[in-house]
Amino acid sequence: MINDKRGLAMRIVAGLLVGILIGALAALALSVAATWIFDISQMEGAYAMGVAFFYMPAGALIGGIAGAIFASTR
C-alpha cells in the first residue's frame, strides 16, 4: 500500500514537471507565432518582457496543473 502511494506521488511530480516544461514552451511558441501573425511591435523589449514574465509563467502553471491531473488519473 505504501509503494502504491509513493508511486502515485512520483507520477504526479513527474507529470507536474513535464507539464511545466511543455506549458512554458507552448506559451513561448504561441507568443512568437503571435508576433508574426498579428504584427506585434517589439520595440524596446516590452513584448519580450510580457512573454518572459507573464505568458511563460502562466503557461507553465496551466501546463503543470494539467500534467499533474493527467498523471494522477492514469
PDB file of N, CA and C in Angstrom:
ATOM      1  N   MET A   1       0.823  -1.195   0.000  1.00  0.00           N
ATOM      2  CA  MET A   1       0.000   0.000   0.000  1.00  0.00           C
ATOM      3  C   MET A   1       0.867   1.258   0.000  1.00  0.00           C
ATOM      4  N   ILE A   2       1.961   1.230   0.762  1.00  0.00           N
ATOM      5  CA  ILE A   2       2.829   2.404   0.802  1.00  0.00           C
ATOM      6  C   ILE A   2       3.492   2.616  -0.556  1.00  0.00           C
ATOM      7  N   ASN A   3       3.906   1.533  -1.204  1.00  0.00           N
ATOM      8  CA  ASN A   3       4.549   1.664  -2.508  1.00  0.00           C
ATOM      9  C   ASN A   3       3.596   2.229  -3.545  1.00  0.00           C
ATOM     10  N   ASP A   4       2.307   1.893  -3.451  1.00  0.00           N
ATOM     11  CA  ASP A   4       1.336   2.438  -4.390  1.00  0.00           C
ATOM     12  C   ASP A   4       1.211   3.945  -4.218  1.00  0.00           C
ATOM     13  N   LYS A   5       1.175   4.406  -2.981  1.00  0.00           N
ATOM     14  CA  LYS A   5       1.082   5.849  -2.734  1.00  0.00           C
ATOM     15  C   LYS A   5       2.350   6.563  -3.185  1.00  0.00           C
ATOM     16  N   ARG A   6       3.487   5.944  -2.936  1.00  0.00           N
ATOM     17  CA  ARG A   6       4.752   6.547  -3.345  1.00  0.00           C
ATOM     18  C   ARG A   6       4.848   6.599  -4.868  1.00  0.00           C
ATOM     19  N   GLY A   7       4.418   5.543  -5.524  1.00  0.00           N
ATOM     20  CA  GLY A   7       4.436   5.520  -6.983  1.00  0.00           C
ATOM     21  C   GLY A   7       3.501   6.560  -7.574  1.00  0.00           C
ATOM     22  N   LEU A   8       2.329   6.723  -6.961  1.00  0.00           N
ATOM     23  CA  LEU A   8       1.385   7.737  -7.423  1.00  0.00           C
ATOM     24  C   LEU A   8       1.959   9.133  -7.229  1.00  0.00           C
ATOM     25  N   ALA A   9       2.598   9.357  -6.089  1.00  0.00           N
ATOM     26  CA  ALA A   9       3.206  10.667  -5.832  1.00  0.00           C
ATOM     27  C   ALA A   9       4.321  10.955  -6.835  1.00  0.00           C
ATOM     28  N   MET A  10       5.110   9.959  -7.167  1.00  0.00           N
ATOM     29  CA  MET A  10       6.184  10.151  -8.144  1.00  0.00           C
ATOM     30  C   MET A  10       5.620  10.449  -9.533  1.00  0.00           C
ATOM     31  N   ARG A  11       4.525   9.759  -9.898  1.00  0.00           N
ATOM     32  CA  ARG A  11       3.896  10.037 -11.194  1.00  0.00           C
ATOM     33  C   ARG A  11       3.339  11.444 -11.245  1.00  0.00           C
ATOM     34  N   ILE A  12       2.733  11.892 -10.142  1.00  0.00           N
ATOM     35  CA  ILE A  12       2.176  13.246 -10.099  1.00  0.00           C
ATOM     36  C   ILE A  12       3.289  14.284 -10.214  1.00  0.00           C
ATOM     37  N   VAL A  13       4.386  14.077  -9.498  1.00  0.00           N
ATOM     38  CA  VAL A  13       5.512  15.021  -9.574  1.00  0.00           C
ATOM     39  C   VAL A  13       6.116  15.019 -10.976  1.00  0.00           C
ATOM     40  N   ALA A  14       6.267  13.847 -11.564  1.00  0.00           N
ATOM     41  CA  ALA A  14       6.806  13.775 -12.929  1.00  0.00           C
ATOM     42  C   ALA A  14       5.865  14.457 -13.913  1.00  0.00           C
ATOM     43  N   GLY A  15       4.563  14.228 -13.762  1.00  0.00           N
ATOM     44  CA  GLY A  15       3.591  14.892 -14.629  1.00  0.00           C
ATOM     45  C   GLY A  15       3.605  16.391 -14.447  1.00  0.00           C
ATOM     46  N   LEU A  16       3.786  16.835 -13.215  1.00  0.00           N
ATOM     47  CA  LEU A  16       3.868  18.269 -12.932  1.00  0.00           C
ATOM     48  C   LEU A  16       5.077  18.891 -13.625  1.00  0.00           C
ATOM     49  N   LEU A  17       6.234  18.259 -13.496  1.00  0.00           N
ATOM     50  CA  LEU A  17       7.457  18.804 -14.102  1.00  0.00           C
ATOM     51  C   LEU A  17       7.392  18.804 -15.629  1.00  0.00           C
ATOM     52  N   VAL A  18       6.897  17.721 -16.198  1.00  0.00           N
ATOM     53  CA  VAL A  18       6.768  17.663 -17.654  1.00  0.00           C
ATOM     54  C   VAL A  18       5.739  18.681 -18.133  1.00  0.00           C
ATOM     55  N   GLY A  19       4.642  18.819 -17.393  1.00  0.00           N
ATOM     56  CA  GLY A  19       3.619  19.797 -17.752  1.00  0.00           C
ATOM     57  C   GLY A  19       4.129  21.221 -17.681  1.00  0.00           C
ATOM     58  N   ILE A  20       4.944  21.518 -16.675  1.00  0.00           N
ATOM     59  CA  ILE A  20       5.539  22.858 -16.563  1.00  0.00           C
ATOM     60  C   ILE A  20       6.416  23.145 -17.777  1.00  0.00           C
ATOM     61  N   LEU A  21       7.246  22.192 -18.144  1.00  0.00           N
ATOM     62  CA  LEU A  21       8.143  22.379 -19.286  1.00  0.00           C
ATOM     63  C   LEU A  21       7.361  22.545 -20.586  1.00  0.00           C
ATOM     64  N   ILE A  22       6.401  21.666 -20.818  1.00  0.00           N
ATOM     65  CA  ILE A  22       5.621  21.740 -22.060  1.00  0.00           C
ATOM     66  C   ILE A  22       4.765  22.998 -22.090  1.00  0.00           C
ATOM     67  N   GLY A  23       4.170  23.362 -20.964  1.00  0.00           N
ATOM     68  CA  GLY A  23       3.334  24.563 -20.922  1.00  0.00           C
ATOM     69  C   GLY A  23       4.116  25.832 -21.192  1.00  0.00           C
ATOM     70  N   ALA A  24       5.296  25.944 -20.611  1.00  0.00           N
ATOM     71  CA  ALA A  24       6.123  27.135 -20.838  1.00  0.00           C
ATOM     72  C   ALA A  24       6.606  27.203 -22.280  1.00  0.00           C
ATOM     73  N   LEU A  25       7.005  26.072 -22.835  1.00  0.00           N
ATOM     74  CA  LEU A  25       7.460  26.066 -24.227  1.00  0.00           C
ATOM     75  C   LEU A  25       6.312  26.342 -25.193  1.00  0.00           C
ATOM     76  N   ALA A  26       5.126  25.836 -24.889  1.00  0.00           N
ATOM     77  CA  ALA A  26       3.968  26.115 -25.741  1.00  0.00           C
ATOM     78  C   ALA A  26       3.604  27.594 -25.689  1.00  0.00           C
ATOM     79  N   ALA A  27       3.664  28.187 -24.505  1.00  0.00           N
ATOM     80  CA  ALA A  27       3.376  29.621 -24.389  1.00  0.00           C
ATOM     81  C   ALA A  27       4.405  30.443 -25.151  1.00  0.00           C
ATOM     82  N   LEU A  28       5.660  30.041 -25.090  1.00  0.00           N
ATOM     83  CA  LEU A  28       6.703  30.742 -25.837  1.00  0.00           C
ATOM     84  C   LEU A  28       6.470  30.616 -27.342  1.00  0.00           C
ATOM     85  N   ALA A  29       6.153  29.414 -27.791  1.00  0.00           N
ATOM     86  CA  ALA A  29       5.917  29.201 -29.222  1.00  0.00           C
ATOM     87  C   ALA A  29       4.711  29.996 -29.708  1.00  0.00           C
ATOM     88  N   LEU A  30       3.636  30.008 -28.927  1.00  0.00           N
ATOM     89  CA  LEU A  30       2.452  30.777 -29.323  1.00  0.00           C
ATOM     90  C   LEU A  30       2.732  32.270 -29.310  1.00  0.00           C
ATOM     91  N   SER A  31       3.538  32.718 -28.378  1.00  0.00           N
ATOM     92  CA  SER A  31       3.883  34.144 -28.323  1.00  0.00           C
ATOM     93  C   SER A  31       4.733  34.564 -29.514  1.00  0.00           C
ATOM     94  N   VAL A  32       5.673  33.722 -29.890  1.00  0.00           N
ATOM     95  CA  VAL A  32       6.497  34.025 -31.062  1.00  0.00           C
ATOM     96  C   VAL A  32       5.641  34.004 -32.326  1.00  0.00           C
ATOM     97  N   ALA A  33       4.738  33.036 -32.425  1.00  0.00           N
ATOM     98  CA  ALA A  33       3.848  32.974 -33.585  1.00  0.00           C
ATOM     99  C   ALA A  33       2.928  34.189 -33.636  1.00  0.00           C
ATOM    100  N   ALA A  34       2.494  34.665 -32.479  1.00  0.00           N
ATOM    101  CA  ALA A  34       1.594  35.825 -32.440  1.00  0.00           C
ATOM    102  C   ALA A  34       2.275  37.077 -32.965  1.00  0.00           C
ATOM    103  N   THR A  35       3.581  37.206 -32.760  1.00  0.00           N
ATOM    104  CA  THR A  35       4.281  38.382 -33.284  1.00  0.00           C
ATOM    105  C   THR A  35       4.270  38.401 -34.802  1.00  0.00           C
ATOM    106  N   TRP A  36       4.343  37.241 -35.419  1.00  0.00           N
ATOM    107  CA  TRP A  36       4.333  37.170 -36.881  1.00  0.00           C
ATOM    108  C   TRP A  36       2.917  37.305 -37.430  1.00  0.00           C
ATOM    109  N   ILE A  37       1.954  36.669 -36.780  1.00  0.00           N
ATOM    110  CA  ILE A  37       0.578  36.672 -37.292  1.00  0.00           C
ATOM    111  C   ILE A  37      -0.072  38.035 -37.127  1.00  0.00           C
ATOM    112  N   PHE A  38       0.049  38.632 -35.949  1.00  0.00           N
ATOM    113  CA  PHE A  38      -0.651  39.881 -35.650  1.00  0.00           C
ATOM    114  C   PHE A  38       0.233  41.117 -35.786  1.00  0.00           C
ATOM    115  N   ASP A  39       1.467  40.946 -36.249  1.00  0.00           N
ATOM    116  CA  ASP A  39       2.409  42.051 -36.453  1.00  0.00           C
ATOM    117  C   ASP A  39       2.539  42.927 -35.200  1.00  0.00           C
ATOM    118  N   ILE A  40       2.885  42.280 -34.086  1.00  0.00           N
ATOM    119  CA  ILE A  40       3.037  42.969 -32.804  1.00  0.00           C
ATOM    120  C   ILE A  40       4.406  43.643 -32.754  1.00  0.00           C
ATOM    121  N   SER A  41       4.429  44.895 -32.337  1.00  0.00           N
ATOM    122  CA  SER A  41       5.677  45.649 -32.241  1.00  0.00           C
ATOM    123  C   SER A  41       6.531  45.104 -31.095  1.00  0.00           C
ATOM    124  N   GLN A  42       7.820  45.026 -31.340  1.00  0.00           N
ATOM    125  CA  GLN A  42       8.751  44.548 -30.319  1.00  0.00           C
ATOM    126  C   GLN A  42       9.757  45.628 -29.941  1.00  0.00           C
ATOM    127  N   MET A  43       9.379  46.867 -30.086  1.00  0.00           N
ATOM    128  CA  MET A  43      10.286  47.972 -29.751  1.00  0.00           C
ATOM    129  C   MET A  43      10.559  48.002 -28.249  1.00  0.00           C
ATOM    130  N   GLU A  44      11.788  48.227 -27.892  1.00  0.00           N
ATOM    131  CA  GLU A  44      12.260  48.377 -26.515  1.00  0.00           C
ATOM    132  C   GLU A  44      12.051  47.130 -25.656  1.00  0.00           C
ATOM    133  N   GLY A  45      11.718  46.013 -26.238  1.00  0.00           N
ATOM    134  CA  GLY A  45      11.607  44.771 -25.494  1.00  0.00           C
ATOM    135  C   GLY A  45      10.391  44.636 -24.609  1.00  0.00           C
ATOM    136  N   ALA A  46       9.395  45.486 -24.782  1.00  0.00           N
ATOM    137  CA  ALA A  46       8.212  45.424 -23.924  1.00  0.00           C
ATOM    138  C   ALA A  46       7.450  44.120 -24.136  1.00  0.00           C
ATOM    139  N   TYR A  47       7.329  43.681 -25.372  1.00  0.00           N
ATOM    140  CA  TYR A  47       6.612  42.436 -25.642  1.00  0.00           C
ATOM    141  C   TYR A  47       7.383  41.242 -25.075  1.00  0.00           C
ATOM    142  N   ALA A  48       8.701  41.265 -25.202  1.00  0.00           N
ATOM    143  CA  ALA A  48       9.518  40.174 -24.667  1.00  0.00           C
ATOM    144  C   ALA A  48       9.405  40.093 -23.146  1.00  0.00           C
ATOM    145  N   MET A  49       9.310  41.243 -22.491  1.00  0.00           N
ATOM    146  CA  MET A  49       9.123  41.241 -21.031  1.00  0.00           C
ATOM    147  C   MET A  49       7.782  40.614 -20.666  1.00  0.00           C
ATOM    148  N   GLY A  50       6.756  40.935 -21.431  1.00  0.00           N
ATOM    149  CA  GLY A  50       5.444  40.346 -21.190  1.00  0.00           C
ATOM    150  C   GLY A  50       5.454  38.841 -21.383  1.00  0.00           C
ATOM    151  N   VAL A  51       6.154  38.396 -22.412  1.00  0.00           N
ATOM    152  CA  VAL A  51       6.253  36.962 -22.666  1.00  0.00           C
ATOM    153  C   VAL A  51       7.019  36.278 -21.540  1.00  0.00           C
ATOM    154  N   ALA A  52       8.163  36.845 -21.161  1.00  0.00           N
ATOM    155  CA  ALA A  52       9.019  36.208 -20.162  1.00  0.00           C
ATOM    156  C   ALA A  52       8.416  36.213 -18.762  1.00  0.00           C
ATOM    157  N   PHE A  53       7.697  37.279 -18.424  1.00  0.00           N
ATOM    158  CA  PHE A  53       7.225  37.409 -17.046  1.00  0.00           C
ATOM    159  C   PHE A  53       5.729  37.205 -16.866  1.00  0.00           C
ATOM    160  N   PHE A  54       4.969  37.022 -17.957  1.00  0.00           N
ATOM    161  CA  PHE A  54       3.544  36.740 -17.803  1.00  0.00           C
ATOM    162  C   PHE A  54       3.127  35.479 -18.553  1.00  0.00           C
ATOM    163  N   TYR A  55       3.347  35.449 -19.865  1.00  0.00           N
ATOM    164  CA  TYR A  55       2.814  34.345 -20.664  1.00  0.00           C
ATOM    165  C   TYR A  55       3.500  33.016 -20.372  1.00  0.00           C
ATOM    166  N   MET A  56       4.812  33.006 -20.246  1.00  0.00           N
ATOM    167  CA  MET A  56       5.502  31.748 -19.952  1.00  0.00           C
ATOM    168  C   MET A  56       5.179  31.214 -18.555  1.00  0.00           C
ATOM    169  N   PRO A  57       5.179  32.036 -17.488  1.00  0.00           N
ATOM    170  CA  PRO A  57       4.764  31.501 -16.185  1.00  0.00           C
ATOM    171  C   PRO A  57       3.301  31.053 -16.165  1.00  0.00           C
ATOM    172  N   ALA A  58       2.432  31.784 -16.875  1.00  0.00           N
ATOM    173  CA  ALA A  58       1.027  31.368 -16.935  1.00  0.00           C
ATOM    174  C   ALA A  58       0.900  30.037 -17.666  1.00  0.00           C
ATOM    175  N   GLY A  59       1.632  29.881 -18.758  1.00  0.00           N
ATOM    176  CA  GLY A  59       1.622  28.611 -19.476  1.00  0.00           C
ATOM    177  C   GLY A  59       2.198  27.481 -18.644  1.00  0.00           C
ATOM    178  N   ALA A  60       3.244  27.771 -17.885  1.00  0.00           N
ATOM    179  CA  ALA A  60       3.841  26.759 -17.016  1.00  0.00           C
ATOM    180  C   ALA A  60       2.878  26.344 -15.907  1.00  0.00           C
ATOM    181  N   LEU A  61       2.155  27.302 -15.351  1.00  0.00           N
ATOM    182  CA  LEU A  61       1.181  26.993 -14.305  1.00  0.00           C
ATOM    183  C   LEU A  61       0.059  26.116 -14.843  1.00  0.00           C
ATOM    184  N   ILE A  62      -0.498  26.504 -15.971  1.00  0.00           N
ATOM    185  CA  ILE A  62      -1.585  25.725 -16.569  1.00  0.00           C
ATOM    186  C   ILE A  62      -1.082  24.344 -16.990  1.00  0.00           C
ATOM    187  N   GLY A  63       0.098  24.286 -17.599  1.00  0.00           N
ATOM    188  CA  GLY A  63       0.666  23.010 -18.009  1.00  0.00           C
ATOM    189  C   GLY A  63       0.998  22.109 -16.834  1.00  0.00           C
ATOM    190  N   GLY A  64       1.506  22.678 -15.753  1.00  0.00           N
ATOM    191  CA  GLY A  64       1.820  21.884 -14.567  1.00  0.00           C
ATOM    192  C   GLY A  64       0.586  21.285 -13.929  1.00  0.00           C
ATOM    193  N   ILE A  65      -0.466  22.073 -13.829  1.00  0.00           N
ATOM    194  CA  ILE A  65      -1.721  21.564 -13.266  1.00  0.00           C
ATOM    195  C   ILE A  65      -2.291  20.468 -14.157  1.00  0.00           C
ATOM    196  N   ALA A  66      -2.304  20.721 -15.470  1.00  0.00           N
ATOM    197  CA  ALA A  66      -2.831  19.720 -16.401  1.00  0.00           C
ATOM    198  C   ALA A  66      -1.988  18.450 -16.377  1.00  0.00           C
ATOM    199  N   GLY A  67      -0.673  18.589 -16.314  1.00  0.00           N
ATOM    200  CA  GLY A  67       0.199  17.422 -16.269  1.00  0.00           C
ATOM    201  C   GLY A  67       0.018  16.602 -15.003  1.00  0.00           C
ATOM    202  N   ALA A  68      -0.141  17.270 -13.867  1.00  0.00           N
ATOM    203  CA  ALA A  68      -0.350  16.551 -12.607  1.00  0.00           C
ATOM    204  C   ALA A  68      -1.689  15.822 -12.609  1.00  0.00           C
ATOM    205  N   ILE A  69      -2.719  16.474 -13.125  1.00  0.00           N
ATOM    206  CA  ILE A  69      -4.034  15.821 -13.195  1.00  0.00           C
ATOM    207  C   ILE A  69      -3.989  14.638 -14.149  1.00  0.00           C
ATOM    208  N   PHE A  70      -3.359  14.832 -15.306  1.00  0.00           N
ATOM    209  CA  PHE A  70      -3.252  13.746 -16.280  1.00  0.00           C
ATOM    210  C   PHE A  70      -2.478  12.565 -15.706  1.00  0.00           C
ATOM    211  N   ALA A  71      -1.388  12.831 -15.007  1.00  0.00           N
ATOM    212  CA  ALA A  71      -0.571  11.758 -14.440  1.00  0.00           C
ATOM    213  C   ALA A  71      -1.285  11.038 -13.301  1.00  0.00           C
ATOM    214  N   SER A  72      -2.112  11.752 -12.552  1.00  0.00           N
ATOM    215  CA  SER A  72      -2.783  11.114 -11.415  1.00  0.00           C
ATOM    216  C   SER A  72      -3.943  10.228 -11.847  1.00  0.00           C
ATOM    217  N   THR A  73      -4.490  10.462 -13.034  1.00  0.00           N
ATOM    218  CA  THR A  73      -5.637   9.666 -13.472  1.00  0.00           C
ATOM    219  C   THR A  73      -5.227   8.446 -14.271  1.00  0.00           C
ATOM    220  N   ARG A  74      -3.973   8.325 -14.625  1.00  0.00           N
ATOM    221  CA  ARG A  74      -3.542   7.190 -15.441  1.00  0.00           C
ATOM    222  C   ARG A  74      -3.083   6.052 -14.586  1.00  0.00           C
TER     223      ARG A  74
END
